[in-house]
């Protein structure tokens, strides 16, 4: 009754309706790193001769011998206080 062409059309339609629409892959969600990106810092020359990137303010702290030492605070390498070269 349908013939070959009719069978082919009905099989094609059945196949099309049985297939699910391909969905694009969702991007991998990662933590926003809100604190990392919002913190702006500066490079400083540490007393040990290395460059350090710190986010906190530069402060002047008293040393045990009475002298004052300039330090950078909250640095990227995890150190809270890094003495600076004057």
C-alpha atoms as a PDB file:
ATOM      1  CA  UNK A   1       0.000   0.000   0.000  1.00  0.00           C
ATOM      2  CA  UNK A   2       2.766   2.431   0.899  1.00  0.00           C
ATOM      3  CA  UNK A   3       5.383   1.039  -1.383  1.00  0.00           C
ATOM      4  CA  UNK A   4       9.115   1.312  -0.828  1.00  0.00           C
ATOM      5  CA  UNK A   5       9.115   5.113  -0.709  1.00  0.00           C
ATOM      6  CA  UNK A   6       6.337   5.179   1.891  1.00  0.00           C
ATOM      7  CA  UNK A   7       8.131   2.661   4.108  1.00  0.00           C
ATOM      8  CA  UNK A   8      11.336   4.666   3.851  1.00  0.00           C
ATOM      9  CA  UNK A   9       9.548   7.906   4.813  1.00  0.00           C
ATOM     10  CA  UNK A  10       7.786   6.322   7.791  1.00  0.00           C
ATOM     11  CA  UNK A  11      11.045   4.713   9.020  1.00  0.00           C
ATOM     12  CA  UNK A  12      12.866   8.030   8.642  1.00  0.00           C
ATOM     13  CA  UNK A  13      10.158   9.857  10.586  1.00  0.00           C
ATOM     14  CA  UNK A  14      10.171   7.212  13.316  1.00  0.00           C
ATOM     15  CA  UNK A  15      13.945   7.500  13.601  1.00  0.00           C
ATOM     16  CA  UNK A  16      13.807  11.299  13.755  1.00  0.00           C
ATOM     17  CA  UNK A  17      11.196  11.283  16.521  1.00  0.00           C
ATOM     18  CA  UNK A  18      13.041   8.651  18.537  1.00  0.00           C
ATOM     19  CA  UNK A  19      16.308  10.622  18.559  1.00  0.00           C
ATOM     20  CA  UNK A  20      16.801  13.070  21.382  1.00  0.00           C
ATOM     21  CA  UNK A  21      17.993  16.527  20.562  1.00  0.00           C
ATOM     22  CA  UNK A  22      21.710  16.873  21.197  1.00  0.00           C
ATOM     23  CA  UNK A  23      22.362  19.342  23.976  1.00  0.00           C
ATOM     24  CA  UNK A  24      25.584  21.320  24.094  1.00  0.00           C
ATOM     25  CA  UNK A  25      27.899  20.281  26.897  1.00  0.00           C
ATOM     26  CA  UNK A  26      27.613  22.464  29.959  1.00  0.00           C
ATOM     27  CA  UNK A  27      30.825  24.292  30.862  1.00  0.00           C
ATOM     28  CA  UNK A  28      32.608  22.958  33.906  1.00  0.00           C
ATOM     29  CA  UNK A  29      31.705  25.137  36.834  1.00  0.00           C
ATOM     30  CA  UNK A  30      34.596  26.220  38.971  1.00  0.00           C
ATOM     31  CA  UNK A  31      34.710  28.386  42.066  1.00  0.00           C
ATOM     32  CA  UNK A  32      34.585  32.004  41.066  1.00  0.00           C
ATOM     33  CA  UNK A  33      37.762  32.870  42.944  1.00  0.00           C
ATOM     34  CA  UNK A  34      35.973  36.029  44.018  1.00  0.00           C
ATOM     35  CA  UNK A  35      38.583  36.913  46.597  1.00  0.00           C
ATOM     36  CA  UNK A  36      41.528  36.271  44.296  1.00  0.00           C
ATOM     37  CA  UNK A  37      40.256  38.429  41.475  1.00  0.00           C
ATOM     38  CA  UNK A  38      39.032  41.271  43.642  1.00  0.00           C
ATOM     39  CA  UNK A  39      42.317  41.662  45.503  1.00  0.00           C
ATOM     40  CA  UNK A  40      44.684  44.084  43.845  1.00  0.00           C
ATOM     41  CA  UNK A  41      48.286  44.087  44.958  1.00  0.00           C
ATOM     42  CA  UNK A  42      51.758  45.319  44.074  1.00  0.00           C
ATOM     43  CA  UNK A  43      55.217  43.919  43.570  1.00  0.00           C
ATOM     44  CA  UNK A  44      57.770  44.775  46.266  1.00  0.00           C
ATOM     45  CA  UNK A  45      61.498  44.142  46.657  1.00  0.00           C
ATOM     46  CA  UNK A  46      61.955  42.038  49.789  1.00  0.00           C
ATOM     47  CA  UNK A  47      64.900  42.405  52.122  1.00  0.00           C
ATOM     48  CA  UNK A  48      66.088  38.917  51.133  1.00  0.00           C
ATOM     49  CA  UNK A  49      66.514  40.086  47.511  1.00  0.00           C
ATOM     50  CA  UNK A  50      63.396  38.467  46.051  1.00  0.00           C
ATOM     51  CA  UNK A  51      60.385  40.127  44.503  1.00  0.00           C
ATOM     52  CA  UNK A  52      57.097  39.517  46.339  1.00  0.00           C
ATOM     53  CA  UNK A  53      53.503  40.279  45.342  1.00  0.00           C
ATOM     54  CA  UNK A  54      51.473  41.545  48.296  1.00  0.00           C
ATOM     55  CA  UNK A  55      47.862  42.589  48.718  1.00  0.00           C
ATOM     56  CA  UNK A  56      47.909  44.371  52.069  1.00  0.00           C
ATOM     57  CA  UNK A  57      49.259  47.760  53.070  1.00  0.00           C
ATOM     58  CA  UNK A  58      52.919  48.560  53.677  1.00  0.00           C
ATOM     59  CA  UNK A  59      53.520  49.119  57.364  1.00  0.00           C
ATOM     60  CA  UNK A  60      56.383  50.248  59.568  1.00  0.00           C
ATOM     61  CA  UNK A  61      56.965  47.885  62.488  1.00  0.00           C
ATOM     62  CA  UNK A  62      59.382  48.285  65.405  1.00  0.00           C
ATOM     63  CA  UNK A  63      62.174  45.723  65.667  1.00  0.00           C
ATOM     64  CA  UNK A  64      63.578  44.249  68.879  1.00  0.00           C
ATOM     65  CA  UNK A  65      66.640  46.554  68.750  1.00  0.00           C
ATOM     66  CA  UNK A  66      64.453  49.685  68.485  1.00  0.00           C
ATOM     67  CA  UNK A  67      64.836  50.242  64.743  1.00  0.00           C
ATOM     68  CA  UNK A  68      61.845  50.513  62.457  1.00  0.00           C
ATOM     69  CA  UNK A  69      61.362  48.021  59.598  1.00  0.00           C
ATOM     70  CA  UNK A  70      59.155  48.590  56.563  1.00  0.00           C
ATOM     71  CA  UNK A  71      57.094  45.470  55.752  1.00  0.00           C
ATOM     72  CA  UNK A  72      54.578  44.439  53.134  1.00  0.00           C
ATOM     73  CA  UNK A  73      51.557  42.500  54.383  1.00  0.00           C
ATOM     74  CA  UNK A  74      49.428  39.615  53.096  1.00  0.00           C
ATOM     75  CA  UNK A  75      51.666  38.326  50.328  1.00  0.00           C
ATOM     76  CA  UNK A  76      50.900  35.770  47.632  1.00  0.00           C
ATOM     77  CA  UNK A  77      53.385  33.191  48.882  1.00  0.00           C
ATOM     78  CA  UNK A  78      51.333  32.837  52.068  1.00  0.00           C
ATOM     79  CA  UNK A  79      53.475  35.016  54.273  1.00  0.00           C
ATOM     80  CA  UNK A  80      51.646  37.572  56.373  1.00  0.00           C
ATOM     81  CA  UNK A  81      54.572  39.974  56.808  1.00  0.00           C
ATOM     82  CA  UNK A  82      57.599  40.353  54.505  1.00  0.00           C
ATOM     83  CA  UNK A  83      60.429  42.762  55.417  1.00  0.00           C
ATOM     84  CA  UNK A  84      61.187  45.143  52.540  1.00  0.00           C
ATOM     85  CA  UNK A  85      64.473  46.491  51.272  1.00  0.00           C
ATOM     86  CA  UNK A  86      64.630  50.257  51.691  1.00  0.00           C
END
